[in-house]
Amino acid sequence: MAIRGAASSIGRQTSTSSLLSISGYLRTRYHGSASNPLHRSLSFPHSQTGFKYSIRAIQGAAADPVAPKKEDEEQLTKEWKIKMLYDGECPLCMREVNMLRERNKSYETIKFVDISSVQYSPEENQGLDYETVMGRIHAILSDGAVVTDVEAFRKLYEAVGLGWVYAITKYKPVATIADVVYGVWAKYRLQITGHLLG
């Protein structure tokens, strides 16, 4: 009986010692941090601990994923050929923008930039400030050249396979008349659409 009691006592001490060793091992070996979350599942056989059990160590908290910045849908076109600066608060303007955007899904040649967005940056758009771009349409070619008025429309339409719409404006007399007509529209656009500057 004494021998059996001693053996039982030794067994309990061995199990306790194993558990303490395991606990210390987990603390030193698998300690994580909030920036480096770690999930581990450990299983120890009967021969090592006196009984079989599993331990799951969960260290840290998973960081919230950072949502991709939406540049007003200004899709980051891989190799855009022309950048369209438009007023996202102009209902009539948006009809044309949406049409071009739909066509651009197949071409990916136009990058759309909403000048009414708080994220609009003149520094990233050839120094064109809000007031200047609000006055008339502006587009920026991939080489940095700035085009305005009917020429801007022609370049934009050409970029999505609709160059024929404005092809006639390549002729100087027609382009001059078209620019005059557009100039009148641009001058009264805000009153017509009910969108007030500032």
N, C-alpha and C. Protein backbone atom coordinates (compact mmCIF):
# COMPACT_ATOMS: atom_id res chain seq x y z
N MET A 1 0.83 -1.21 0.00
CA MET A 1 0.00 0.00 0.00
C MET A 1 0.86 1.25 0.00
N ALA A 2 1.92 1.24 0.80
CA ALA A 2 2.81 2.41 0.86
C ALA A 2 3.44 2.67 -0.49
N ILE A 3 3.85 1.53 -1.13
CA ILE A 3 4.48 1.67 -2.46
C ILE A 3 3.49 2.22 -3.45
N ARG A 4 2.21 1.70 -3.40
CA ARG A 4 1.19 2.18 -4.33
C ARG A 4 0.92 3.66 -4.09
N GLY A 5 0.85 4.08 -2.80
CA GLY A 5 0.60 5.50 -2.49
C GLY A 5 1.72 6.38 -2.97
N ALA A 6 2.95 5.89 -2.80
CA ALA A 6 4.10 6.69 -3.25
C ALA A 6 4.09 6.84 -4.76
N ALA A 7 3.74 5.74 -5.45
CA ALA A 7 3.69 5.79 -6.92
C ALA A 7 2.63 6.76 -7.38
N SER A 8 1.46 6.73 -6.69
CA SER A 8 0.38 7.64 -7.06
C SER A 8 0.80 9.08 -6.85
N SER A 9 1.49 9.33 -5.71
CA SER A 9 1.95 10.69 -5.42
C SER A 9 2.94 11.16 -6.46
N ILE A 10 3.85 10.26 -6.85
CA ILE A 10 4.87 10.61 -7.86
C ILE A 10 4.20 10.91 -9.19
N GLY A 11 3.14 10.10 -9.50
CA GLY A 11 2.42 10.32 -10.77
C GLY A 11 1.77 11.67 -10.80
N ARG A 12 1.13 12.06 -9.68
CA ARG A 12 0.47 13.37 -9.64
C ARG A 12 1.49 14.48 -9.75
N GLN A 13 2.63 14.33 -9.08
CA GLN A 13 3.66 15.36 -9.15
C GLN A 13 4.21 15.49 -10.56
N THR A 14 4.36 14.30 -11.22
CA THR A 14 4.87 14.32 -12.60
C THR A 14 3.91 15.04 -13.53
N SER A 15 2.58 14.75 -13.37
CA SER A 15 1.56 15.41 -14.22
C SER A 15 1.56 16.89 -13.96
N THR A 16 1.62 17.27 -12.67
CA THR A 16 1.61 18.70 -12.32
C THR A 16 2.83 19.39 -12.90
N SER A 17 3.99 18.73 -12.77
CA SER A 17 5.23 19.30 -13.30
C SER A 17 5.15 19.47 -14.80
N SER A 18 4.54 18.46 -15.49
CA SER A 18 4.41 18.55 -16.94
C SER A 18 3.53 19.70 -17.35
N LEU A 19 2.41 19.88 -16.60
CA LEU A 19 1.49 20.97 -16.92
C LEU A 19 2.16 22.30 -16.73
N LEU A 20 2.93 22.45 -15.65
CA LEU A 20 3.62 23.73 -15.40
C LEU A 20 4.64 24.00 -16.49
N SER A 21 5.32 22.94 -16.92
CA SER A 21 6.31 23.11 -17.98
C SER A 21 5.66 23.53 -19.28
N ILE A 22 4.52 22.88 -19.56
CA ILE A 22 3.79 23.22 -20.79
C ILE A 22 3.31 24.65 -20.75
N SER A 23 2.75 25.05 -19.60
CA SER A 23 2.24 26.41 -19.45
C SER A 23 3.34 27.43 -19.67
N GLY A 24 4.51 27.16 -19.05
CA GLY A 24 5.63 28.09 -19.23
C GLY A 24 6.11 28.12 -20.67
N TYR A 25 6.08 26.94 -21.29
CA TYR A 25 6.53 26.84 -22.68
C TYR A 25 5.64 27.66 -23.60
N LEU A 26 4.33 27.55 -23.35
CA LEU A 26 3.38 28.31 -24.19
C LEU A 26 3.58 29.79 -24.02
N ARG A 27 3.82 30.24 -22.77
CA ARG A 27 3.97 31.67 -22.54
C ARG A 27 5.20 32.23 -23.21
N THR A 28 6.29 31.46 -23.22
CA THR A 28 7.54 31.96 -23.77
C THR A 28 7.67 31.70 -25.26
N ARG A 29 7.08 30.59 -25.70
CA ARG A 29 7.27 30.20 -27.11
C ARG A 29 6.22 30.79 -28.04
N TYR A 30 4.99 30.95 -27.56
CA TYR A 30 3.93 31.35 -28.47
C TYR A 30 3.30 32.67 -28.05
N HIS A 31 4.05 33.52 -27.40
CA HIS A 31 3.50 34.82 -27.02
C HIS A 31 3.39 35.70 -28.25
N GLY A 32 2.24 36.29 -28.50
CA GLY A 32 2.01 37.11 -29.70
C GLY A 32 1.79 38.54 -29.33
N SER A 33 1.33 39.30 -30.31
CA SER A 33 1.03 40.71 -30.10
C SER A 33 -0.16 41.07 -30.95
N ALA A 34 -0.73 42.25 -30.70
CA ALA A 34 -1.93 42.68 -31.44
C ALA A 34 -1.66 42.84 -32.91
N SER A 35 -0.38 43.19 -33.21
CA SER A 35 -0.06 43.39 -34.62
C SER A 35 0.31 42.10 -35.33
N ASN A 36 0.47 41.02 -34.55
CA ASN A 36 0.84 39.76 -35.17
C ASN A 36 0.00 38.63 -34.58
N PRO A 37 -1.30 38.61 -34.88
CA PRO A 37 -2.21 37.60 -34.32
C PRO A 37 -1.79 36.21 -34.73
N LEU A 38 -1.97 35.26 -33.76
CA LEU A 38 -1.53 33.91 -34.02
C LEU A 38 -2.49 32.92 -33.38
N HIS A 39 -2.88 31.92 -34.13
CA HIS A 39 -3.78 30.90 -33.61
C HIS A 39 -3.05 29.56 -33.75
N ARG A 40 -2.89 28.88 -32.63
CA ARG A 40 -2.23 27.58 -32.69
C ARG A 40 -3.03 26.55 -31.92
N SER A 41 -3.07 25.35 -32.43
CA SER A 41 -3.73 24.25 -31.73
C SER A 41 -2.68 23.21 -31.44
N LEU A 42 -2.47 22.93 -30.15
CA LEU A 42 -1.43 22.01 -29.74
C LEU A 42 -2.05 20.76 -29.15
N SER A 43 -1.51 19.59 -29.47
CA SER A 43 -2.00 18.33 -28.93
C SER A 43 -0.83 17.58 -28.33
N PHE A 44 -0.97 17.13 -27.10
CA PHE A 44 0.10 16.43 -26.42
C PHE A 44 -0.29 14.98 -26.20
N PRO A 45 0.56 14.04 -26.55
CA PRO A 45 0.25 12.62 -26.38
C PRO A 45 0.28 12.21 -24.92
N HIS A 46 -0.30 11.04 -24.64
CA HIS A 46 -0.44 10.50 -23.30
C HIS A 46 0.92 10.29 -22.64
N SER A 47 1.90 9.90 -23.44
CA SER A 47 3.20 9.54 -22.89
C SER A 47 3.94 10.74 -22.32
N GLN A 48 3.59 11.96 -22.76
CA GLN A 48 4.30 13.15 -22.30
C GLN A 48 3.64 13.80 -21.10
N THR A 49 2.34 13.72 -21.00
CA THR A 49 1.65 14.48 -19.97
C THR A 49 0.88 13.64 -18.97
N GLY A 50 0.75 12.35 -19.23
CA GLY A 50 -0.03 11.53 -18.33
C GLY A 50 -1.46 11.42 -18.78
N PHE A 51 -1.91 12.30 -19.63
CA PHE A 51 -3.24 12.21 -20.22
C PHE A 51 -3.23 13.03 -21.50
N LYS A 52 -4.18 12.77 -22.33
CA LYS A 52 -4.22 13.44 -23.64
C LYS A 52 -5.16 14.62 -23.60
N TYR A 53 -4.71 15.75 -24.10
CA TYR A 53 -5.55 16.94 -24.13
C TYR A 53 -5.06 17.87 -25.23
N SER A 54 -5.87 18.85 -25.59
CA SER A 54 -5.51 19.82 -26.62
C SER A 54 -5.57 21.21 -26.04
N ILE A 55 -4.69 22.06 -26.49
CA ILE A 55 -4.65 23.45 -26.05
C ILE A 55 -4.67 24.34 -27.28
N ARG A 56 -5.51 25.31 -27.28
CA ARG A 56 -5.53 26.28 -28.38
C ARG A 56 -5.08 27.61 -27.84
N ALA A 57 -4.02 28.14 -28.40
CA ALA A 57 -3.51 29.44 -27.98
C ALA A 57 -3.92 30.47 -29.00
N ILE A 58 -4.65 31.47 -28.57
CA ILE A 58 -5.08 32.55 -29.46
C ILE A 58 -4.40 33.82 -28.99
N GLN A 59 -3.55 34.32 -29.77
CA GLN A 59 -2.77 35.47 -29.37
C GLN A 59 -3.12 36.67 -30.21
N GLY A 60 -3.37 37.79 -29.57
CA GLY A 60 -3.63 39.03 -30.28
C GLY A 60 -5.00 39.06 -30.87
N ALA A 61 -5.35 40.16 -31.46
CA ALA A 61 -6.64 40.33 -32.13
C ALA A 61 -6.38 40.68 -33.57
N ALA A 62 -7.17 40.11 -34.43
CA ALA A 62 -7.00 40.39 -35.85
C ALA A 62 -7.28 41.84 -36.13
N ALA A 63 -6.39 42.49 -36.87
CA ALA A 63 -6.57 43.90 -37.18
C ALA A 63 -7.67 44.06 -38.21
N ASP A 64 -8.41 45.15 -38.10
CA ASP A 64 -9.48 45.41 -39.07
C ASP A 64 -8.87 45.65 -40.42
N PRO A 65 -9.39 45.00 -41.46
CA PRO A 65 -8.84 45.21 -42.81
C PRO A 65 -9.07 46.64 -43.26
N VAL A 66 -8.09 47.18 -43.97
CA VAL A 66 -8.20 48.56 -44.46
C VAL A 66 -8.91 48.52 -45.80
N ALA A 67 -10.04 49.19 -45.87
CA ALA A 67 -10.81 49.21 -47.11
C ALA A 67 -10.06 50.00 -48.17
N PRO A 68 -10.05 49.54 -49.40
CA PRO A 68 -9.36 50.28 -50.45
C PRO A 68 -9.98 51.65 -50.63
N LYS A 69 -9.12 52.62 -50.79
CA LYS A 69 -9.61 53.99 -50.93
C LYS A 69 -10.36 54.14 -52.24
N LYS A 70 -11.55 54.68 -52.13
CA LYS A 70 -12.38 54.88 -53.32
C LYS A 70 -12.18 56.29 -53.81
N GLU A 71 -11.56 56.44 -54.93
CA GLU A 71 -11.35 57.76 -55.49
C GLU A 71 -12.54 58.06 -56.38
N ASP A 72 -13.64 58.28 -55.70
CA ASP A 72 -14.92 58.56 -56.31
C ASP A 72 -15.13 57.71 -57.54
N GLU A 73 -14.83 56.47 -57.31
CA GLU A 73 -15.03 55.50 -58.37
C GLU A 73 -13.98 55.73 -59.41
N GLU A 74 -13.14 56.68 -59.11
CA GLU A 74 -12.07 57.03 -60.02
C GLU A 74 -11.20 55.82 -60.08
N GLN A 75 -11.69 54.84 -60.81
CA GLN A 75 -10.99 53.59 -60.87
C GLN A 75 -9.55 53.83 -61.27
N LEU A 76 -8.67 53.13 -60.57
CA LEU A 76 -7.26 53.30 -60.84
C LEU A 76 -6.94 52.52 -62.11
N THR A 77 -7.32 53.10 -63.23
CA THR A 77 -7.12 52.45 -64.52
C THR A 77 -5.64 52.16 -64.73
N LYS A 78 -5.36 50.96 -65.16
CA LYS A 78 -3.97 50.50 -65.28
C LYS A 78 -3.13 51.47 -66.11
N GLU A 79 -3.57 51.76 -67.33
CA GLU A 79 -2.81 52.65 -68.19
C GLU A 79 -3.77 53.62 -68.86
N TRP A 80 -4.23 54.61 -68.09
CA TRP A 80 -5.20 55.55 -68.65
C TRP A 80 -4.51 56.46 -69.68
N LYS A 81 -5.28 56.83 -70.69
CA LYS A 81 -4.77 57.70 -71.74
C LYS A 81 -5.21 59.15 -71.54
N ILE A 82 -6.33 59.30 -70.84
CA ILE A 82 -6.85 60.64 -70.62
C ILE A 82 -7.62 60.67 -69.29
N LYS A 83 -7.48 61.78 -68.60
CA LYS A 83 -8.15 61.95 -67.31
C LYS A 83 -9.26 62.99 -67.47
N MET A 84 -10.46 62.60 -67.10
CA MET A 84 -11.60 63.51 -67.24
C MET A 84 -11.92 64.16 -65.90
N LEU A 85 -11.87 65.48 -65.84
CA LEU A 85 -12.23 66.22 -64.64
C LEU A 85 -13.69 66.65 -64.79
N TYR A 86 -14.54 66.18 -63.91
CA TYR A 86 -15.96 66.47 -64.06
C TYR A 86 -16.58 66.90 -62.74
N ASP A 87 -17.73 67.54 -62.83
CA ASP A 87 -18.46 67.99 -61.66
C ASP A 87 -19.50 66.94 -61.28
N GLY A 88 -19.23 66.21 -60.23
CA GLY A 88 -20.12 65.14 -59.81
C GLY A 88 -21.45 65.61 -59.26
N GLU A 89 -21.61 66.92 -59.07
CA GLU A 89 -22.86 67.46 -58.53
C GLU A 89 -23.72 68.09 -59.62
N CYS A 90 -23.32 67.88 -60.86
CA CYS A 90 -24.07 68.41 -62.00
C CYS A 90 -24.87 67.26 -62.63
N PRO A 91 -26.18 67.22 -62.44
CA PRO A 91 -27.01 66.12 -62.94
C PRO A 91 -26.89 65.88 -64.44
N LEU A 92 -26.93 66.95 -65.22
CA LEU A 92 -26.83 66.79 -66.67
C LEU A 92 -25.45 66.31 -67.08
N CYS A 93 -24.44 66.83 -66.41
CA CYS A 93 -23.07 66.40 -66.71
C CYS A 93 -22.89 64.91 -66.42
N MET A 94 -23.52 64.46 -65.34
CA MET A 94 -23.35 63.07 -64.92
C MET A 94 -23.95 62.07 -65.91
N ARG A 95 -24.93 62.51 -66.69
CA ARG A 95 -25.49 61.61 -67.70
C ARG A 95 -24.41 61.22 -68.70
N GLU A 96 -23.66 62.22 -69.13
CA GLU A 96 -22.60 61.96 -70.10
C GLU A 96 -21.45 61.20 -69.44
N VAL A 97 -21.12 61.58 -68.21
CA VAL A 97 -20.05 60.90 -67.49
C VAL A 97 -20.37 59.42 -67.32
N ASN A 98 -21.60 59.13 -66.94
CA ASN A 98 -22.00 57.73 -66.74
C ASN A 98 -21.96 56.93 -68.03
N MET A 99 -22.32 57.58 -69.13
CA MET A 99 -22.26 56.91 -70.42
C MET A 99 -20.81 56.56 -70.77
N LEU A 100 -19.92 57.53 -70.57
CA LEU A 100 -18.51 57.30 -70.86
C LEU A 100 -17.91 56.27 -69.91
N ARG A 101 -18.34 56.31 -68.67
CA ARG A 101 -17.85 55.35 -67.68
C ARG A 101 -18.25 53.92 -68.07
N GLU A 102 -19.46 53.78 -68.55
CA GLU A 102 -19.94 52.46 -68.97
C GLU A 102 -19.11 51.95 -70.15
N ARG A 103 -18.85 52.84 -71.11
CA ARG A 103 -18.03 52.45 -72.27
C ARG A 103 -16.60 52.14 -71.84
N ASN A 104 -16.15 52.85 -70.83
CA ASN A 104 -14.76 52.71 -70.39
C ASN A 104 -14.48 51.36 -69.74
N LYS A 105 -15.54 50.65 -69.35
CA LYS A 105 -15.34 49.33 -68.75
C LYS A 105 -14.65 48.39 -69.71
N SER A 106 -14.86 48.61 -71.00
CA SER A 106 -14.24 47.75 -72.02
C SER A 106 -12.87 48.27 -72.46
N TYR A 107 -12.65 49.59 -72.30
CA TYR A 107 -11.42 50.18 -72.80
C TYR A 107 -10.40 50.48 -71.70
N GLU A 108 -10.88 50.90 -70.53
CA GLU A 108 -10.01 51.27 -69.41
C GLU A 108 -8.96 52.29 -69.82
N THR A 109 -9.40 53.31 -70.56
CA THR A 109 -8.48 54.34 -71.03
C THR A 109 -8.72 55.69 -70.37
N ILE A 110 -9.86 55.82 -69.69
CA ILE A 110 -10.20 57.10 -69.05
C ILE A 110 -10.14 56.95 -67.53
N LYS A 111 -9.53 57.92 -66.89
CA LYS A 111 -9.55 57.99 -65.44
C LYS A 111 -10.47 59.16 -65.08
N PHE A 112 -11.48 58.89 -64.28
CA PHE A 112 -12.47 59.91 -63.92
C PHE A 112 -12.13 60.54 -62.58
N VAL A 113 -12.14 61.86 -62.56
CA VAL A 113 -11.82 62.59 -61.33
C VAL A 113 -12.93 63.60 -61.05
N ASP A 114 -13.58 63.43 -59.93
CA ASP A 114 -14.68 64.31 -59.52
C ASP A 114 -14.12 65.54 -58.81
N ILE A 115 -14.25 66.69 -59.43
CA ILE A 115 -13.69 67.90 -58.84
C ILE A 115 -14.50 68.39 -57.64
N SER A 116 -15.72 67.88 -57.48
CA SER A 116 -16.54 68.29 -56.33
C SER A 116 -16.21 67.46 -55.09
N SER A 117 -15.37 66.44 -55.25
CA SER A 117 -14.98 65.60 -54.12
C SER A 117 -14.01 66.34 -53.21
N VAL A 118 -14.11 66.11 -51.90
CA VAL A 118 -13.20 66.73 -50.95
C VAL A 118 -11.78 66.21 -51.15
N GLN A 119 -11.65 65.12 -51.86
CA GLN A 119 -10.34 64.53 -52.11
C GLN A 119 -9.67 65.11 -53.37
N TYR A 120 -10.36 65.99 -54.06
CA TYR A 120 -9.77 66.54 -55.28
C TYR A 120 -8.53 67.35 -54.94
N SER A 121 -7.46 67.10 -55.67
CA SER A 121 -6.19 67.78 -55.43
C SER A 121 -5.66 68.42 -56.71
N PRO A 122 -5.57 69.77 -56.74
CA PRO A 122 -5.02 70.46 -57.91
C PRO A 122 -3.59 69.99 -58.22
N GLU A 123 -2.83 69.70 -57.16
CA GLU A 123 -1.45 69.29 -57.35
C GLU A 123 -1.34 68.01 -58.18
N GLU A 124 -2.35 67.16 -58.08
CA GLU A 124 -2.33 65.91 -58.83
C GLU A 124 -2.97 66.05 -60.21
N ASN A 125 -3.42 67.27 -60.52
CA ASN A 125 -4.11 67.49 -61.79
C ASN A 125 -3.61 68.76 -62.47
N GLN A 126 -2.32 68.79 -62.69
CA GLN A 126 -1.66 69.87 -63.43
C GLN A 126 -1.94 71.26 -62.83
N GLY A 127 -2.19 71.33 -61.54
CA GLY A 127 -2.40 72.62 -60.88
C GLY A 127 -3.75 73.25 -61.16
N LEU A 128 -4.68 72.50 -61.74
CA LEU A 128 -6.00 73.04 -62.06
C LEU A 128 -6.86 73.11 -60.79
N ASP A 129 -7.17 74.33 -60.34
CA ASP A 129 -7.95 74.46 -59.12
C ASP A 129 -9.44 74.30 -59.40
N TYR A 130 -10.20 74.22 -58.32
CA TYR A 130 -11.64 73.95 -58.41
C TYR A 130 -12.37 74.98 -59.26
N GLU A 131 -12.13 76.27 -59.01
CA GLU A 131 -12.85 77.32 -59.74
C GLU A 131 -12.56 77.27 -61.24
N THR A 132 -11.31 77.01 -61.58
CA THR A 132 -10.94 76.96 -62.99
C THR A 132 -11.64 75.81 -63.71
N VAL A 133 -11.62 74.64 -63.10
CA VAL A 133 -12.22 73.47 -63.73
C VAL A 133 -13.75 73.56 -63.76
N MET A 134 -14.32 74.26 -62.79
CA MET A 134 -15.77 74.43 -62.77
C MET A 134 -16.25 75.30 -63.93
N GLY A 135 -15.37 76.13 -64.46
CA GLY A 135 -15.76 77.05 -65.52
C GLY A 135 -16.05 76.39 -66.85
N ARG A 136 -15.31 75.33 -67.15
CA ARG A 136 -15.49 74.60 -68.40
C ARG A 136 -14.80 73.25 -68.28
N ILE A 137 -15.13 72.35 -69.16
CA ILE A 137 -14.56 71.01 -69.05
C ILE A 137 -13.06 71.01 -69.32
N HIS A 138 -12.35 70.24 -68.52
CA HIS A 138 -10.91 70.06 -68.69
C HIS A 138 -10.61 68.56 -68.70
N ALA A 139 -9.64 68.18 -69.51
CA ALA A 139 -9.15 66.80 -69.53
C ALA A 139 -7.64 66.85 -69.61
N ILE A 140 -7.00 65.84 -69.04
CA ILE A 140 -5.54 65.80 -69.02
C ILE A 140 -5.07 64.54 -69.72
N LEU A 141 -4.23 64.70 -70.71
CA LEU A 141 -3.69 63.55 -71.44
C LEU A 141 -2.58 62.90 -70.62
N SER A 142 -2.27 61.67 -70.95
CA SER A 142 -1.26 60.93 -70.19
C SER A 142 0.11 61.59 -70.22
N ASP A 143 0.37 62.43 -71.23
CA ASP A 143 1.66 63.12 -71.30
C ASP A 143 1.64 64.44 -70.54
N GLY A 144 0.51 64.74 -69.88
CA GLY A 144 0.41 65.95 -69.08
C GLY A 144 -0.25 67.13 -69.77
N ALA A 145 -0.49 67.01 -71.06
CA ALA A 145 -1.13 68.11 -71.80
C ALA A 145 -2.58 68.27 -71.35
N VAL A 146 -3.01 69.53 -71.24
CA VAL A 146 -4.38 69.84 -70.82
C VAL A 146 -5.20 70.28 -72.03
N VAL A 147 -6.36 69.66 -72.20
CA VAL A 147 -7.25 70.05 -73.29
C VAL A 147 -8.58 70.49 -72.69
N THR A 148 -9.25 71.42 -73.37
CA THR A 148 -10.51 71.95 -72.85
C THR A 148 -11.58 71.99 -73.94
N ASP A 149 -12.77 72.37 -73.52
CA ASP A 149 -13.89 72.58 -74.43
C ASP A 149 -14.16 71.35 -75.32
N VAL A 150 -14.53 71.61 -76.57
CA VAL A 150 -14.93 70.54 -77.48
C VAL A 150 -13.77 69.58 -77.75
N GLU A 151 -12.55 70.08 -77.74
CA GLU A 151 -11.40 69.19 -77.96
C GLU A 151 -11.32 68.13 -76.86
N ALA A 152 -11.66 68.53 -75.64
CA ALA A 152 -11.64 67.58 -74.52
C ALA A 152 -12.68 66.49 -74.76
N PHE A 153 -13.87 66.89 -75.20
CA PHE A 153 -14.91 65.90 -75.50
C PHE A 153 -14.46 64.95 -76.61
N ARG A 154 -13.83 65.52 -77.63
CA ARG A 154 -13.40 64.69 -78.76
C ARG A 154 -12.37 63.65 -78.31
N LYS A 155 -11.42 64.06 -77.49
CA LYS A 155 -10.40 63.14 -77.00
C LYS A 155 -11.02 62.05 -76.11
N LEU A 156 -11.97 62.44 -75.29
CA LEU A 156 -12.62 61.48 -74.40
C LEU A 156 -13.42 60.45 -75.19
N TYR A 157 -14.14 60.92 -76.19
CA TYR A 157 -14.95 60.01 -77.00
C TYR A 157 -14.06 59.08 -77.82
N GLU A 158 -12.94 59.61 -78.31
CA GLU A 158 -12.01 58.79 -79.07
C GLU A 158 -11.45 57.67 -78.19
N ALA A 159 -11.26 57.95 -76.90
CA ALA A 159 -10.67 56.98 -75.99
C ALA A 159 -11.55 55.77 -75.75
N VAL A 160 -12.85 55.92 -76.02
CA VAL A 160 -13.77 54.79 -75.81
C VAL A 160 -14.45 54.36 -77.10
N GLY A 161 -13.79 54.62 -78.23
CA GLY A 161 -14.28 54.12 -79.51
C GLY A 161 -15.44 54.89 -80.11
N LEU A 162 -15.64 56.13 -79.66
CA LEU A 162 -16.75 56.95 -80.20
C LEU A 162 -16.22 58.22 -80.87
N GLY A 163 -15.04 58.12 -81.40
CA GLY A 163 -14.42 59.28 -82.02
C GLY A 163 -15.24 59.89 -83.14
N TRP A 164 -16.04 59.08 -83.81
CA TRP A 164 -16.84 59.57 -84.94
C TRP A 164 -17.85 60.64 -84.52
N VAL A 165 -18.26 60.62 -83.25
CA VAL A 165 -19.26 61.59 -82.78
C VAL A 165 -18.76 63.02 -82.91
N TYR A 166 -17.50 63.22 -82.58
CA TYR A 166 -16.93 64.56 -82.62
C TYR A 166 -15.90 64.71 -83.75
N ALA A 167 -15.86 63.78 -84.66
CA ALA A 167 -14.85 63.81 -85.73
C ALA A 167 -14.91 65.09 -86.55
N ILE A 168 -16.11 65.59 -86.77
CA ILE A 168 -16.25 66.79 -87.61
C ILE A 168 -15.62 68.01 -86.96
N THR A 169 -15.46 67.97 -85.63
CA THR A 169 -14.90 69.14 -84.93
C THR A 169 -13.39 69.23 -85.13
N LYS A 170 -12.81 68.28 -85.86
CA LYS A 170 -11.39 68.38 -86.17
C LYS A 170 -11.14 69.50 -87.18
N TYR A 171 -12.19 69.87 -87.89
CA TYR A 171 -12.06 70.96 -88.86
C TYR A 171 -12.20 72.29 -88.12
N LYS A 172 -11.26 73.17 -88.35
CA LYS A 172 -11.16 74.42 -87.58
C LYS A 172 -12.44 75.23 -87.57
N PRO A 173 -13.08 75.50 -88.70
CA PRO A 173 -14.31 76.31 -88.68
C PRO A 173 -15.39 75.67 -87.81
N VAL A 174 -15.54 74.35 -87.92
CA VAL A 174 -16.55 73.66 -87.12
C VAL A 174 -16.18 73.69 -85.65
N ALA A 175 -14.91 73.50 -85.36
CA ALA A 175 -14.45 73.51 -83.97
C ALA A 175 -14.70 74.87 -83.33
N THR A 176 -14.49 75.93 -84.10
CA THR A 176 -14.69 77.28 -83.57
C THR A 176 -16.15 77.49 -83.19
N ILE A 177 -17.06 77.09 -84.08
CA ILE A 177 -18.50 77.25 -83.81
C ILE A 177 -18.91 76.38 -82.61
N ALA A 178 -18.38 75.16 -82.58
CA ALA A 178 -18.72 74.26 -81.48
C ALA A 178 -18.24 74.80 -80.14
N ASP A 179 -17.07 75.41 -80.13
CA ASP A 179 -16.54 75.97 -78.88
C ASP A 179 -17.39 77.15 -78.40
N VAL A 180 -17.90 77.94 -79.36
CA VAL A 180 -18.74 79.07 -78.99
C VAL A 180 -20.03 78.57 -78.34
N VAL A 181 -20.63 77.57 -78.97
CA VAL A 181 -21.86 77.01 -78.44
C VAL A 181 -21.62 76.41 -77.05
N TYR A 182 -20.52 75.67 -76.93
CA TYR A 182 -20.21 75.07 -75.63
C TYR A 182 -19.93 76.16 -74.60
N GLY A 183 -19.29 77.23 -75.02
CA GLY A 183 -18.98 78.33 -74.10
C GLY A 183 -20.24 78.92 -73.47
N VAL A 184 -21.29 79.04 -74.29
CA VAL A 184 -22.56 79.56 -73.77
C VAL A 184 -23.14 78.59 -72.75
N TRP A 185 -23.10 77.31 -73.08
CA TRP A 185 -23.60 76.28 -72.15
C TRP A 185 -22.81 76.31 -70.84
N ALA A 186 -21.47 76.38 -70.96
CA ALA A 186 -20.63 76.37 -69.77
C ALA A 186 -20.89 77.59 -68.89
N LYS A 187 -21.17 78.74 -69.53
CA LYS A 187 -21.40 79.97 -68.78
C LYS A 187 -22.67 79.90 -67.93
N TYR A 188 -23.68 79.26 -68.47
CA TYR A 188 -24.96 79.21 -67.76
C TYR A 188 -25.29 77.82 -67.18
N ARG A 189 -24.29 76.96 -67.19
CA ARG A 189 -24.51 75.60 -66.72
C ARG A 189 -24.99 75.55 -65.27
N LEU A 190 -24.37 76.34 -64.44
CA LEU A 190 -24.73 76.30 -63.03
C LEU A 190 -26.16 76.75 -62.79
N GLN A 191 -26.58 77.80 -63.54
CA GLN A 191 -27.95 78.27 -63.39
C GLN A 191 -28.95 77.24 -63.94
N ILE A 192 -28.57 76.62 -65.04
CA ILE A 192 -29.46 75.64 -65.67
C ILE A 192 -29.63 74.41 -64.78
N THR A 193 -28.55 73.96 -64.21
CA THR A 193 -28.61 72.75 -63.38
C THR A 193 -28.99 73.04 -61.94
N GLY A 194 -29.02 74.32 -61.57
CA GLY A 194 -29.38 74.67 -60.21
C GLY A 194 -28.26 74.44 -59.23
N HIS A 195 -27.06 74.24 -59.74
CA HIS A 195 -25.90 74.00 -58.88
C HIS A 195 -25.13 75.31 -58.72
N LEU A 196 -25.06 75.83 -57.52
CA LEU A 196 -24.40 77.10 -57.26
C LEU A 196 -22.94 76.89 -56.84
N LEU A 197 -22.07 77.65 -57.43
CA LEU A 197 -20.65 77.57 -57.12
C LEU A 197 -20.39 78.02 -55.69
N GLY A 198 -19.59 77.23 -54.98
CA GLY A 198 -19.21 77.59 -53.61
C GLY A 198 -20.23 77.12 -52.62
